[in-house]
Amino acid sequence: MKRLDDIEGAGWSVLTARERDVIHPVAEGKSNKLIAIELGISMRTVEAHRARIFYKMGVRNAVQLAREVCSNPEPDTD
C-alpha cells in the first residue's frame, strides 16, 4: 500500500476507477448531489471521493481541478 505522503499531488496514476468517474463531473462544476444521482451513490460518498481527488491531484478547489484536467488530460490506459 502506498503511503499517503507518496500520493499527494501524484495525479491520474493513483486515482481509483470510481474517482475517475467522479473527477470529470466535479471539474465541470456539477454539484455533489447531482453527481450522486447520476452515479447512483450517496452524496456523502461523492464528498469523500471529491476530497481524495483534490488531495491526489494536488489541488484545493474545483476551479484548480478543472484547470488541471484541461491542461493534463487523463492518459490512455489501453
PDB file of N, CA and C in Angstrom:
ATOM      1  N   MET A   1       0.847  -1.183   0.000  1.00  0.00           N
ATOM      2  CA  MET A   1       0.000   0.000   0.000  1.00  0.00           C
ATOM      3  C   MET A   1       0.887   1.239   0.000  1.00  0.00           C
ATOM      4  N   LYS A   2       0.492   2.210  -0.792  1.00  0.00           N
ATOM      5  CA  LYS A   2       1.274   3.442  -0.877  1.00  0.00           C
ATOM      6  C   LYS A   2       1.023   4.309   0.346  1.00  0.00           C
ATOM      7  N   ARG A   3       2.076   4.950   0.813  1.00  0.00           N
ATOM      8  CA  ARG A   3       1.931   5.889   1.920  1.00  0.00           C
ATOM      9  C   ARG A   3       1.196   7.119   1.441  1.00  0.00           C
ATOM     10  N   LEU A   4       0.472   7.752   2.327  1.00  0.00           N
ATOM     11  CA  LEU A   4      -0.301   8.931   1.987  1.00  0.00           C
ATOM     12  C   LEU A   4       0.583  10.041   1.437  1.00  0.00           C
ATOM     13  N   ASP A   5       1.781  10.211   2.007  1.00  0.00           N
ATOM     14  CA  ASP A   5       2.697  11.249   1.537  1.00  0.00           C
ATOM     15  C   ASP A   5       3.136  10.993   0.097  1.00  0.00           C
ATOM     16  N   ASP A   6       3.188   9.731  -0.302  1.00  0.00           N
ATOM     17  CA  ASP A   6       3.647   9.368  -1.644  1.00  0.00           C
ATOM     18  C   ASP A   6       2.617   9.674  -2.727  1.00  0.00           C
ATOM     19  N   ILE A   7       1.336   9.834  -2.337  1.00  0.00           N
ATOM     20  CA  ILE A   7       0.314  10.036  -3.363  1.00  0.00           C
ATOM     21  C   ILE A   7      -0.177  11.476  -3.467  1.00  0.00           C
ATOM     22  N   GLU A   8       0.182  12.336  -2.524  1.00  0.00           N
ATOM     23  CA  GLU A   8      -0.274  13.729  -2.594  1.00  0.00           C
ATOM     24  C   GLU A   8       0.254  14.375  -3.866  1.00  0.00           C
ATOM     25  N   GLY A   9      -0.657  14.865  -4.686  1.00  0.00           N
ATOM     26  CA  GLY A   9      -0.282  15.527  -5.926  1.00  0.00           C
ATOM     27  C   GLY A   9       0.256  14.594  -7.002  1.00  0.00           C
ATOM     28  N   ALA A  10       0.045  13.297  -6.846  1.00  0.00           N
ATOM     29  CA  ALA A  10       0.583  12.318  -7.793  1.00  0.00           C
ATOM     30  C   ALA A  10      -0.154  12.312  -9.130  1.00  0.00           C
ATOM     31  N   GLY A  11      -1.388  12.785  -9.146  1.00  0.00           N
ATOM     32  CA  GLY A  11      -2.130  12.890 -10.400  1.00  0.00           C
ATOM     33  C   GLY A  11      -2.904  11.642 -10.775  1.00  0.00           C
ATOM     34  N   TRP A  12      -3.172  11.524 -12.059  1.00  0.00           N
ATOM     35  CA  TRP A  12      -4.039  10.485 -12.603  1.00  0.00           C
ATOM     36  C   TRP A  12      -3.648   9.069 -12.197  1.00  0.00           C
ATOM     37  N   SER A  13      -2.379   8.792 -12.080  1.00  0.00           N
ATOM     38  CA  SER A  13      -1.917   7.418 -11.882  1.00  0.00           C
ATOM     39  C   SER A  13      -2.402   6.776 -10.588  1.00  0.00           C
ATOM     40  N   VAL A  14      -2.757   7.563  -9.598  1.00  0.00           N
ATOM     41  CA  VAL A  14      -3.179   6.998  -8.316  1.00  0.00           C
ATOM     42  C   VAL A  14      -4.689   7.064  -8.078  1.00  0.00           C
ATOM     43  N   LEU A  15      -5.443   7.567  -9.046  1.00  0.00           N
ATOM     44  CA  LEU A  15      -6.896   7.632  -8.884  1.00  0.00           C
ATOM     45  C   LEU A  15      -7.519   6.252  -9.062  1.00  0.00           C
ATOM     46  N   THR A  16      -8.535   5.972  -8.236  1.00  0.00           N
ATOM     47  CA  THR A  16      -9.283   4.728  -8.390  1.00  0.00           C
ATOM     48  C   THR A  16     -10.258   4.878  -9.556  1.00  0.00           C
ATOM     49  N   ALA A  17     -10.849   3.768  -9.962  1.00  0.00           N
ATOM     50  CA  ALA A  17     -11.820   3.801 -11.059  1.00  0.00           C
ATOM     51  C   ALA A  17     -13.003   4.713 -10.720  1.00  0.00           C
ATOM     52  N   ARG A  18     -13.493   4.644  -9.497  1.00  0.00           N
ATOM     53  CA  ARG A  18     -14.634   5.473  -9.109  1.00  0.00           C
ATOM     54  C   ARG A  18     -14.235   6.941  -9.036  1.00  0.00           C
ATOM     55  N   GLU A  19     -13.024   7.227  -8.574  1.00  0.00           N
ATOM     56  CA  GLU A  19     -12.557   8.615  -8.551  1.00  0.00           C
ATOM     57  C   GLU A  19     -12.471   9.158  -9.978  1.00  0.00           C
ATOM     58  N   ARG A  20     -12.093   8.311 -10.925  1.00  0.00           N
ATOM     59  CA  ARG A  20     -12.060   8.726 -12.323  1.00  0.00           C
ATOM     60  C   ARG A  20     -13.471   9.007 -12.843  1.00  0.00           C
ATOM     61  N   ASP A  21     -14.472   8.284 -12.317  1.00  0.00           N
ATOM     62  CA  ASP A  21     -15.872   8.542 -12.687  1.00  0.00           C
ATOM     63  C   ASP A  21     -16.344   9.885 -12.137  1.00  0.00           C
ATOM     64  N   VAL A  22     -15.828  10.280 -10.987  1.00  0.00           N
ATOM     65  CA  VAL A  22     -16.283  11.485 -10.299  1.00  0.00           C
ATOM     66  C   VAL A  22     -15.531  12.732 -10.748  1.00  0.00           C
ATOM     67  N   ILE A  23     -14.295  12.588 -11.198  1.00  0.00           N
ATOM     68  CA  ILE A  23     -13.444  13.755 -11.450  1.00  0.00           C
ATOM     69  C   ILE A  23     -13.996  14.680 -12.538  1.00  0.00           C
ATOM     70  N   HIS A  24     -14.503  14.127 -13.617  1.00  0.00           N
ATOM     71  CA  HIS A  24     -14.977  14.989 -14.707  1.00  0.00           C
ATOM     72  C   HIS A  24     -16.225  15.790 -14.323  1.00  0.00           C
ATOM     73  N   PRO A  25     -17.241  15.158 -13.704  1.00  0.00           N
ATOM     74  CA  PRO A  25     -18.380  15.984 -13.263  1.00  0.00           C
ATOM     75  C   PRO A  25     -17.990  17.075 -12.263  1.00  0.00           C
ATOM     76  N   VAL A  26     -17.047  16.774 -11.374  1.00  0.00           N
ATOM     77  CA  VAL A  26     -16.583  17.803 -10.418  1.00  0.00           C
ATOM     78  C   VAL A  26     -15.921  18.940 -11.188  1.00  0.00           C
ATOM     79  N   ALA A  27     -15.057  18.593 -12.130  1.00  0.00           N
ATOM     80  CA  ALA A  27     -14.360  19.612 -12.924  1.00  0.00           C
ATOM     81  C   ALA A  27     -15.324  20.421 -13.775  1.00  0.00           C
ATOM     82  N   GLU A  28     -16.457  19.810 -14.153  1.00  0.00           N
ATOM     83  CA  GLU A  28     -17.479  20.524 -14.937  1.00  0.00           C
ATOM     84  C   GLU A  28     -18.330  21.440 -14.064  1.00  0.00           C
ATOM     85  N   GLY A  29     -18.164  21.351 -12.751  1.00  0.00           N
ATOM     86  CA  GLY A  29     -18.894  22.225 -11.841  1.00  0.00           C
ATOM     87  C   GLY A  29     -20.216  21.662 -11.361  1.00  0.00           C
ATOM     88  N   LYS A  30     -20.458  20.379 -11.580  1.00  0.00           N
ATOM     89  CA  LYS A  30     -21.707  19.771 -11.117  1.00  0.00           C
ATOM     90  C   LYS A  30     -21.696  19.659  -9.605  1.00  0.00           C
ATOM     91  N   SER A  31     -22.878  19.740  -9.015  1.00  0.00           N
ATOM     92  CA  SER A  31     -22.994  19.649  -7.558  1.00  0.00           C
ATOM     93  C   SER A  31     -22.804  18.204  -7.100  1.00  0.00           C
ATOM     94  N   ASN A  32     -22.429  18.058  -5.839  1.00  0.00           N
ATOM     95  CA  ASN A  32     -22.272  16.719  -5.268  1.00  0.00           C
ATOM     96  C   ASN A  32     -23.574  15.932  -5.356  1.00  0.00           C
ATOM     97  N   LYS A  33     -24.680  16.615  -5.127  1.00  0.00           N
ATOM     98  CA  LYS A  33     -25.990  15.964  -5.172  1.00  0.00           C
ATOM     99  C   LYS A  33     -26.282  15.427  -6.567  1.00  0.00           C
ATOM    100  N   LEU A  34     -26.031  16.230  -7.596  1.00  0.00           N
ATOM    101  CA  LEU A  34     -26.284  15.798  -8.969  1.00  0.00           C
ATOM    102  C   LEU A  34     -25.364  14.641  -9.360  1.00  0.00           C
ATOM    103  N   ILE A  35     -24.099  14.716  -8.977  1.00  0.00           N
ATOM    104  CA  ILE A  35     -23.153  13.633  -9.270  1.00  0.00           C
ATOM    105  C   ILE A  35     -23.627  12.350  -8.598  1.00  0.00           C
ATOM    106  N   ALA A  36     -24.073  12.459  -7.351  1.00  0.00           N
ATOM    107  CA  ALA A  36     -24.561  11.287  -6.615  1.00  0.00           C
ATOM    108  C   ALA A  36     -25.751  10.647  -7.334  1.00  0.00           C
ATOM    109  N   ILE A  37     -26.674  11.461  -7.790  1.00  0.00           N
ATOM    110  CA  ILE A  37     -27.844  10.950  -8.506  1.00  0.00           C
ATOM    111  C   ILE A  37     -27.417  10.267  -9.799  1.00  0.00           C
ATOM    112  N   GLU A  38     -26.546  10.913 -10.562  1.00  0.00           N
ATOM    113  CA  GLU A  38     -26.107  10.361 -11.847  1.00  0.00           C
ATOM    114  C   GLU A  38     -25.359   9.040 -11.693  1.00  0.00           C
ATOM    115  N   LEU A  39     -24.571   8.910 -10.619  1.00  0.00           N
ATOM    116  CA  LEU A  39     -23.768   7.701 -10.425  1.00  0.00           C
ATOM    117  C   LEU A  39     -24.452   6.665  -9.544  1.00  0.00           C
ATOM    118  N   GLY A  40     -25.573   7.031  -8.941  1.00  0.00           N
ATOM    119  CA  GLY A  40     -26.297   6.096  -8.086  1.00  0.00           C
ATOM    120  C   GLY A  40     -25.579   5.796  -6.777  1.00  0.00           C
ATOM    121  N   ILE A  41     -24.913   6.815  -6.231  1.00  0.00           N
ATOM    122  CA  ILE A  41     -24.218   6.673  -4.955  1.00  0.00           C
ATOM    123  C   ILE A  41     -24.674   7.785  -4.028  1.00  0.00           C
ATOM    124  N   SER A  42     -24.307   7.708  -2.762  1.00  0.00           N
ATOM    125  CA  SER A  42     -24.739   8.742  -1.816  1.00  0.00           C
ATOM    126  C   SER A  42     -23.931  10.023  -2.000  1.00  0.00           C
ATOM    127  N   MET A  43     -24.533  11.117  -1.557  1.00  0.00           N
ATOM    128  CA  MET A  43     -23.853  12.405  -1.647  1.00  0.00           C
ATOM    129  C   MET A  43     -22.602  12.402  -0.766  1.00  0.00           C
ATOM    130  N   ARG A  44     -22.666  11.734   0.379  1.00  0.00           N
ATOM    131  CA  ARG A  44     -21.504  11.643   1.271  1.00  0.00           C
ATOM    132  C   ARG A  44     -20.350  10.904   0.593  1.00  0.00           C
ATOM    133  N   THR A  45     -20.674   9.883  -0.184  1.00  0.00           N
ATOM    134  CA  THR A  45     -19.644   9.146  -0.914  1.00  0.00           C
ATOM    135  C   THR A  45     -18.992  10.045  -1.955  1.00  0.00           C
ATOM    136  N   VAL A  46     -19.786  10.849  -2.637  1.00  0.00           N
ATOM    137  CA  VAL A  46     -19.233  11.802  -3.610  1.00  0.00           C
ATOM    138  C   VAL A  46     -18.308  12.780  -2.899  1.00  0.00           C
ATOM    139  N   GLU A  47     -18.724  13.276  -1.741  1.00  0.00           N
ATOM    140  CA  GLU A  47     -17.886  14.214  -0.981  1.00  0.00           C
ATOM    141  C   GLU A  47     -16.545  13.578  -0.616  1.00  0.00           C
ATOM    142  N   ALA A  48     -16.569  12.303  -0.222  1.00  0.00           N
ATOM    143  CA  ALA A  48     -15.329  11.604   0.135  1.00  0.00           C
ATOM    144  C   ALA A  48     -14.429  11.435  -1.088  1.00  0.00           C
ATOM    145  N   HIS A  49     -15.025  11.032  -2.216  1.00  0.00           N
ATOM    146  CA  HIS A  49     -14.240  10.883  -3.445  1.00  0.00           C
ATOM    147  C   HIS A  49     -13.644  12.223  -3.857  1.00  0.00           C
ATOM    148  N   ARG A  50     -14.447  13.254  -3.772  1.00  0.00           N
ATOM    149  CA  ARG A  50     -14.003  14.599  -4.150  1.00  0.00           C
ATOM    150  C   ARG A  50     -12.801  15.041  -3.322  1.00  0.00           C
ATOM    151  N   ALA A  51     -12.854  14.813  -2.022  1.00  0.00           N
ATOM    152  CA  ALA A  51     -11.744  15.191  -1.140  1.00  0.00           C
ATOM    153  C   ALA A  51     -10.473  14.426  -1.504  1.00  0.00           C
ATOM    154  N   ARG A  52     -10.608  13.123  -1.768  1.00  0.00           N
ATOM    155  CA  ARG A  52      -9.433  12.331  -2.145  1.00  0.00           C
ATOM    156  C   ARG A  52      -8.897  12.747  -3.508  1.00  0.00           C
ATOM    157  N   ILE A  53      -9.781  13.092  -4.436  1.00  0.00           N
ATOM    158  CA  ILE A  53      -9.350  13.554  -5.762  1.00  0.00           C
ATOM    159  C   ILE A  53      -8.533  14.834  -5.624  1.00  0.00           C
ATOM    160  N   PHE A  54      -9.034  15.790  -4.857  1.00  0.00           N
ATOM    161  CA  PHE A  54      -8.311  17.049  -4.659  1.00  0.00           C
ATOM    162  C   PHE A  54      -6.919  16.779  -4.104  1.00  0.00           C
ATOM    163  N   TYR A  55      -6.849  15.892  -3.106  1.00  0.00           N
ATOM    164  CA  TYR A  55      -5.562  15.572  -2.478  1.00  0.00           C
ATOM    165  C   TYR A  55      -4.626  14.922  -3.494  1.00  0.00           C
ATOM    166  N   LYS A  56      -5.125  13.919  -4.189  1.00  0.00           N
ATOM    167  CA  LYS A  56      -4.281  13.171  -5.126  1.00  0.00           C
ATOM    168  C   LYS A  56      -3.856  14.010  -6.322  1.00  0.00           C
ATOM    169  N   MET A  57      -4.696  14.935  -6.747  1.00  0.00           N
ATOM    170  CA  MET A  57      -4.366  15.782  -7.891  1.00  0.00           C
ATOM    171  C   MET A  57      -3.585  17.029  -7.460  1.00  0.00           C
ATOM    172  N   GLY A  58      -3.465  17.256  -6.163  1.00  0.00           N
ATOM    173  CA  GLY A  58      -2.692  18.385  -5.656  1.00  0.00           C
ATOM    174  C   GLY A  58      -3.362  19.725  -5.866  1.00  0.00           C
ATOM    175  N   VAL A  59      -4.696  19.755  -5.748  1.00  0.00           N
ATOM    176  CA  VAL A  59      -5.457  21.000  -5.919  1.00  0.00           C
ATOM    177  C   VAL A  59      -6.268  21.267  -4.665  1.00  0.00           C
ATOM    178  N   ARG A  60      -6.745  22.511  -4.555  1.00  0.00           N
ATOM    179  CA  ARG A  60      -7.513  22.892  -3.368  1.00  0.00           C
ATOM    180  C   ARG A  60      -8.988  23.156  -3.649  1.00  0.00           C
ATOM    181  N   ASN A  61      -9.366  23.308  -4.914  1.00  0.00           N
ATOM    182  CA  ASN A  61     -10.764  23.581  -5.226  1.00  0.00           C
ATOM    183  C   ASN A  61     -11.104  23.103  -6.636  1.00  0.00           C
ATOM    184  N   ALA A  62     -12.390  23.193  -6.986  1.00  0.00           N
ATOM    185  CA  ALA A  62     -12.867  22.678  -8.271  1.00  0.00           C
ATOM    186  C   ALA A  62     -12.322  23.477  -9.458  1.00  0.00           C
ATOM    187  N   VAL A  63     -12.059  24.751  -9.269  1.00  0.00           N
ATOM    188  CA  VAL A  63     -11.506  25.562 -10.359  1.00  0.00           C
ATOM    189  C   VAL A  63     -10.092  25.090 -10.699  1.00  0.00           C
ATOM    190  N   GLN A  64      -9.283  24.867  -9.673  1.00  0.00           N
ATOM    191  CA  GLN A  64      -7.938  24.345  -9.915  1.00  0.00           C
ATOM    192  C   GLN A  64      -8.002  22.949 -10.535  1.00  0.00           C
ATOM    193  N   LEU A  65      -8.968  22.139 -10.093  1.00  0.00           N
ATOM    194  CA  LEU A  65      -9.126  20.803 -10.656  1.00  0.00           C
ATOM    195  C   LEU A  65      -9.489  20.882 -12.133  1.00  0.00           C
ATOM    196  N   ALA A  66     -10.424  21.768 -12.489  1.00  0.00           N
ATOM    197  CA  ALA A  66     -10.814  21.931 -13.884  1.00  0.00           C
ATOM    198  C   ALA A  66      -9.620  22.345 -14.739  1.00  0.00           C
ATOM    199  N   ARG A  67      -8.822  23.249 -14.228  1.00  0.00           N
ATOM    200  CA  ARG A  67      -7.627  23.689 -14.942  1.00  0.00           C
ATOM    201  C   ARG A  67      -6.659  22.513 -15.145  1.00  0.00           C
ATOM    202  N   GLU A  68      -6.474  21.717 -14.117  1.00  0.00           N
ATOM    203  CA  GLU A  68      -5.577  20.562 -14.184  1.00  0.00           C
ATOM    204  C   GLU A  68      -6.090  19.513 -15.174  1.00  0.00           C
ATOM    205  N   VAL A  69      -7.385  19.252 -15.152  1.00  0.00           N
ATOM    206  CA  VAL A  69      -7.973  18.261 -16.063  1.00  0.00           C
ATOM    207  C   VAL A  69      -7.854  18.732 -17.513  1.00  0.00           C
ATOM    208  N   CYS A  70      -8.054  20.022 -17.744  1.00  0.00           N
ATOM    209  CA  CYS A  70      -7.949  20.567 -19.112  1.00  0.00           C
ATOM    210  C   CYS A  70      -6.513  20.583 -19.612  1.00  0.00           C
ATOM    211  N   SER A  71      -5.582  20.948 -18.743  1.00  0.00           N
ATOM    212  CA  SER A  71      -4.191  21.069 -19.180  1.00  0.00           C
ATOM    213  C   SER A  71      -3.439  19.745 -19.198  1.00  0.00           C
ATOM    214  N   ASN A  72      -3.894  18.804 -18.381  1.00  0.00           N
ATOM    215  CA  ASN A  72      -3.260  17.475 -18.329  1.00  0.00           C
ATOM    216  C   ASN A  72      -4.345  16.410 -18.375  1.00  0.00           C
ATOM    217  N   PRO A  73      -4.896  16.149 -19.574  1.00  0.00           N
ATOM    218  CA  PRO A  73      -5.991  15.170 -19.662  1.00  0.00           C
ATOM    219  C   PRO A  73      -5.545  13.778 -19.213  1.00  0.00           C
ATOM    220  N   GLU A  74      -6.548  12.983 -18.880  1.00  0.00           N
ATOM    221  CA  GLU A  74      -6.283  11.618 -18.441  1.00  0.00           C
ATOM    222  C   GLU A  74      -5.518  10.837 -19.498  1.00  0.00           C
ATOM    223  N   PRO A  75      -4.422  10.227 -19.116  1.00  0.00           N
ATOM    224  CA  PRO A  75      -3.652   9.444 -20.102  1.00  0.00           C
ATOM    225  C   PRO A  75      -4.411   8.198 -20.512  1.00  0.00           C
ATOM    226  N   ASP A  76      -4.201   7.735 -21.729  1.00  0.00           N
ATOM    227  CA  ASP A  76      -4.819   6.499 -22.207  1.00  0.00           C
ATOM    228  C   ASP A  76      -4.264   5.338 -21.406  1.00  0.00           C
ATOM    229  N   THR A  77      -5.150   4.477 -20.927  1.00  0.00           N
ATOM    230  CA  THR A  77      -4.705   3.322 -20.152  1.00  0.00           C
ATOM    231  C   THR A  77      -4.822   2.032 -20.941  1.00  0.00           C
ATOM    232  N   ASP A  78      -5.042   2.126 -22.240  1.00  0.00           N
ATOM    233  CA  ASP A  78      -5.191   0.931 -23.081  1.00  0.00           C
ATOM    234  C   ASP A  78      -3.893   0.239 -23.315  1.00  0.00           C
TER     235      ASP A  78
END
